[in-house]
Amino acid sequence: MTFTSLDLWWWPFLFILVAGWLATDAWRFLGVYFGGRIAEDSDLLVLVRAVATALVAAVIGNLIVFPSGALAATPLGLRMGAAAVGFAAYFLLGKRVLVGIIVAEAVLAAGIFLVWMR
């Protein structure tokens, strides 16, 4: 069965719902099942954390280098600078993720404002 199998208005919504549920919830159930049985310092869990961190870094890098929407109108240097300042703020202000995000967004917003004022 494919996305275009049925010509009903509700079929694409049901297809996306079921396909999305199957793709994510199976892994969630396995994570909950095995999560209590794996030691926090095991090699397997270290690998899982490394892969998860790499995926998040790849998504952030993709958003910085190849943005879409309104962010695409901003200069690459501004986006990279905002990320760098946010990363520095994260380390310098107590390794708090929210602080790094807020600082990066403030730098980006200020840069957009300055570019817009020209």
C-alpha atoms as a PDB file:
ATOM      1  CA  MET A   1       0.000   0.000   0.000  1.00  0.00           C
ATOM      2  CA  THR A   2       1.347   3.413  -0.966  1.00  0.00           C
ATOM      3  CA  PHE A   3       0.561   7.060  -0.357  1.00  0.00           C
ATOM      4  CA  THR A   4      -1.405   7.260  -3.637  1.00  0.00           C
ATOM      5  CA  SER A   5      -3.266   3.949  -3.250  1.00  0.00           C
ATOM      6  CA  LEU A   6      -6.629   5.460  -2.390  1.00  0.00           C
ATOM      7  CA  ASP A   7      -8.281   8.562  -3.799  1.00  0.00           C
ATOM      8  CA  LEU A   8      -9.996   9.657  -0.598  1.00  0.00           C
ATOM      9  CA  TRP A   9      -9.541  13.025   1.101  1.00  0.00           C
ATOM     10  CA  TRP A  10      -8.608  11.473   4.446  1.00  0.00           C
ATOM     11  CA  TRP A  11      -6.194   8.846   3.119  1.00  0.00           C
ATOM     12  CA  PRO A  12      -3.004  11.016   3.095  1.00  0.00           C
ATOM     13  CA  PHE A  13      -3.665  12.067   6.702  1.00  0.00           C
ATOM     14  CA  LEU A  14      -4.183   8.470   7.838  1.00  0.00           C
ATOM     15  CA  PHE A  15      -1.112   7.327   5.904  1.00  0.00           C
ATOM     16  CA  ILE A  16       1.098  10.012   7.477  1.00  0.00           C
ATOM     17  CA  LEU A  17      -0.319   9.299  10.934  1.00  0.00           C
ATOM     18  CA  VAL A  18       0.236   5.536  10.750  1.00  0.00           C
ATOM     19  CA  ALA A  19       3.628   5.755   8.994  1.00  0.00           C
ATOM     20  CA  GLY A  20       4.838   8.383  11.461  1.00  0.00           C
ATOM     21  CA  TRP A  21       3.617   6.387  14.417  1.00  0.00           C
ATOM     22  CA  LEU A  22       5.226   3.165  13.246  1.00  0.00           C
ATOM     23  CA  ALA A  23       8.523   4.858  12.450  1.00  0.00           C
ATOM     24  CA  THR A  24       8.892   6.530  15.845  1.00  0.00           C
ATOM     25  CA  ASP A  25       6.949   4.618  18.468  1.00  0.00           C
ATOM     26  CA  ALA A  26       8.585   1.260  17.827  1.00  0.00           C
ATOM     27  CA  TRP A  27      11.945   2.795  18.746  1.00  0.00           C
ATOM     28  CA  ARG A  28      10.429   4.541  21.755  1.00  0.00           C
ATOM     29  CA  PHE A  29       9.008   1.285  23.076  1.00  0.00           C
ATOM     30  CA  LEU A  30      12.353  -0.447  22.582  1.00  0.00           C
ATOM     31  CA  GLY A  31      14.098   2.439  24.342  1.00  0.00           C
ATOM     32  CA  VAL A  32      11.806   2.200  27.334  1.00  0.00           C
ATOM     33  CA  TYR A  33      12.139  -1.586  27.440  1.00  0.00           C
ATOM     34  CA  PHE A  34      15.932  -1.643  27.254  1.00  0.00           C
ATOM     35  CA  GLY A  35      16.541   1.686  28.984  1.00  0.00           C
ATOM     36  CA  GLY A  36      16.218   0.307  32.483  1.00  0.00           C
ATOM     37  CA  ARG A  37      18.526  -2.592  31.749  1.00  0.00           C
ATOM     38  CA  ILE A  38      21.507  -0.657  30.378  1.00  0.00           C
ATOM     39  CA  ALA A  39      24.064   0.897  32.698  1.00  0.00           C
ATOM     40  CA  GLU A  40      24.610   4.637  32.201  1.00  0.00           C
ATOM     41  CA  ASP A  41      28.329   4.222  31.586  1.00  0.00           C
ATOM     42  CA  SER A  42      28.045   1.268  29.195  1.00  0.00           C
ATOM     43  CA  ASP A  43      29.689   1.427  25.780  1.00  0.00           C
ATOM     44  CA  LEU A  44      26.327   0.990  24.043  1.00  0.00           C
ATOM     45  CA  LEU A  45      24.777   3.987  25.775  1.00  0.00           C
ATOM     46  CA  VAL A  46      27.864   6.103  25.091  1.00  0.00           C
ATOM     47  CA  LEU A  47      27.513   5.209  21.400  1.00  0.00           C
ATOM     48  CA  VAL A  48      23.803   6.086  21.401  1.00  0.00           C
ATOM     49  CA  ARG A  49      24.517   9.467  23.019  1.00  0.00           C
ATOM     50  CA  ALA A  50      27.297  10.178  20.518  1.00  0.00           C
ATOM     51  CA  VAL A  51      25.050   9.367  17.554  1.00  0.00           C
ATOM     52  CA  ALA A  52      22.194  11.463  18.965  1.00  0.00           C
ATOM     53  CA  THR A  53      24.526  14.412  19.564  1.00  0.00           C
ATOM     54  CA  ALA A  54      25.953  14.086  16.050  1.00  0.00           C
ATOM     55  CA  LEU A  55      22.460  14.097  14.554  1.00  0.00           C
ATOM     56  CA  VAL A  56      21.489  17.252  16.457  1.00  0.00           C
ATOM     57  CA  ALA A  57      24.742  18.931  15.404  1.00  0.00           C
ATOM     58  CA  ALA A  58      24.087  17.961  11.778  1.00  0.00           C
ATOM     59  CA  VAL A  59      20.582  19.434  11.859  1.00  0.00           C
ATOM     60  CA  ILE A  60      21.859  22.676  13.404  1.00  0.00           C
ATOM     61  CA  GLY A  61      24.673  22.862  10.852  1.00  0.00           C
ATOM     62  CA  ASN A  62      22.209  22.269   8.044  1.00  0.00           C
ATOM     63  CA  LEU A  63      19.979  25.065   9.336  1.00  0.00           C
ATOM     64  CA  ILE A  64      22.944  27.441   9.531  1.00  0.00           C
ATOM     65  CA  VAL A  65      24.498  26.669   6.138  1.00  0.00           C
ATOM     66  CA  PHE A  66      21.349  25.879   4.105  1.00  0.00           C
ATOM     67  CA  PRO A  67      18.477  27.789   5.754  1.00  0.00           C
ATOM     68  CA  SER A  68      15.000  28.207   4.360  1.00  0.00           C
ATOM     69  CA  GLY A  69      12.368  30.880   4.733  1.00  0.00           C
ATOM     70  CA  ALA A  70      13.241  34.235   6.281  1.00  0.00           C
ATOM     71  CA  LEU A  71      16.527  32.913   7.668  1.00  0.00           C
ATOM     72  CA  ALA A  72      17.789  32.407   4.111  1.00  0.00           C
ATOM     73  CA  ALA A  73      17.825  36.193   3.630  1.00  0.00           C
ATOM     74  CA  THR A  74      20.380  36.661   6.412  1.00  0.00           C
ATOM     75  CA  PRO A  75      24.121  36.576   5.683  1.00  0.00           C
ATOM     76  CA  LEU A  76      25.988  33.334   6.373  1.00  0.00           C
ATOM     77  CA  GLY A  77      28.488  35.168   8.572  1.00  0.00           C
ATOM     78  CA  LEU A  78      25.691  36.437  10.804  1.00  0.00           C
ATOM     79  CA  ARG A  79      24.223  32.957  11.238  1.00  0.00           C
ATOM     80  CA  MET A  80      27.631  31.430  11.995  1.00  0.00           C
ATOM     81  CA  GLY A  81      28.560  34.293  14.321  1.00  0.00           C
ATOM     82  CA  ALA A  82      25.304  33.973  16.258  1.00  0.00           C
ATOM     83  CA  ALA A  83      25.881  30.241  16.680  1.00  0.00           C
ATOM     84  CA  ALA A  84      29.471  30.822  17.828  1.00  0.00           C
ATOM     85  CA  VAL A  85      28.474  33.509  20.342  1.00  0.00           C
ATOM     86  CA  GLY A  86      25.664  31.305  21.646  1.00  0.00           C
ATOM     87  CA  PHE A  87      28.075  28.391  22.008  1.00  0.00           C
ATOM     88  CA  ALA A  88      30.553  30.588  23.885  1.00  0.00           C
ATOM     89  CA  ALA A  89      27.777  31.880  26.157  1.00  0.00           C
ATOM     90  CA  TYR A  90      26.764  28.285  26.880  1.00  0.00           C
ATOM     91  CA  PHE A  91      30.255  27.499  28.153  1.00  0.00           C
ATOM     92  CA  LEU A  92      30.970  30.787  29.891  1.00  0.00           C
ATOM     93  CA  LEU A  93      27.652  31.104  31.705  1.00  0.00           C
ATOM     94  CA  GLY A  94      27.433  27.739  33.416  1.00  0.00           C
ATOM     95  CA  LYS A  95      26.700  25.257  30.597  1.00  0.00           C
ATOM     96  CA  ARG A  96      23.016  26.119  30.470  1.00  0.00           C
ATOM     97  CA  VAL A  97      21.422  25.287  27.126  1.00  0.00           C
ATOM     98  CA  LEU A  98      18.664  27.865  27.456  1.00  0.00           C
ATOM     99  CA  VAL A  99      21.210  30.649  28.030  1.00  0.00           C
ATOM    100  CA  GLY A 100      23.116  29.657  24.883  1.00  0.00           C
ATOM    101  CA  ILE A 101      19.926  29.575  22.817  1.00  0.00           C
ATOM    102  CA  ILE A 102      18.717  32.954  24.087  1.00  0.00           C
ATOM    103  CA  VAL A 103      22.097  34.611  23.491  1.00  0.00           C
ATOM    104  CA  ALA A 104      22.361  33.151  19.968  1.00  0.00           C
ATOM    105  CA  GLU A 105      18.834  34.302  19.136  1.00  0.00           C
ATOM    106  CA  ALA A 106      19.529  37.776  20.530  1.00  0.00           C
ATOM    107  CA  VAL A 107      22.690  38.101  18.419  1.00  0.00           C
ATOM    108  CA  LEU A 108      20.816  36.879  15.343  1.00  0.00           C
ATOM    109  CA  ALA A 109      17.903  39.252  15.973  1.00  0.00           C
ATOM    110  CA  ALA A 110      20.247  42.199  16.523  1.00  0.00           C
ATOM    111  CA  GLY A 111      22.128  41.349  13.331  1.00  0.00           C
ATOM    112  CA  ILE A 112      18.905  41.066  11.347  1.00  0.00           C
ATOM    113  CA  PHE A 113      17.782  44.419  12.753  1.00  0.00           C
ATOM    114  CA  LEU A 114      21.082  46.068  11.793  1.00  0.00           C
ATOM    115  CA  VAL A 115      20.941  44.587   8.289  1.00  0.00           C
ATOM    116  CA  TRP A 116      17.334  45.708   7.942  1.00  0.00           C
ATOM    117  CA  MET A 117      18.164  49.268   9.089  1.00  0.00           C
ATOM    118  CA  ARG A 118      20.655  49.762   6.224  1.00  0.00           C
END
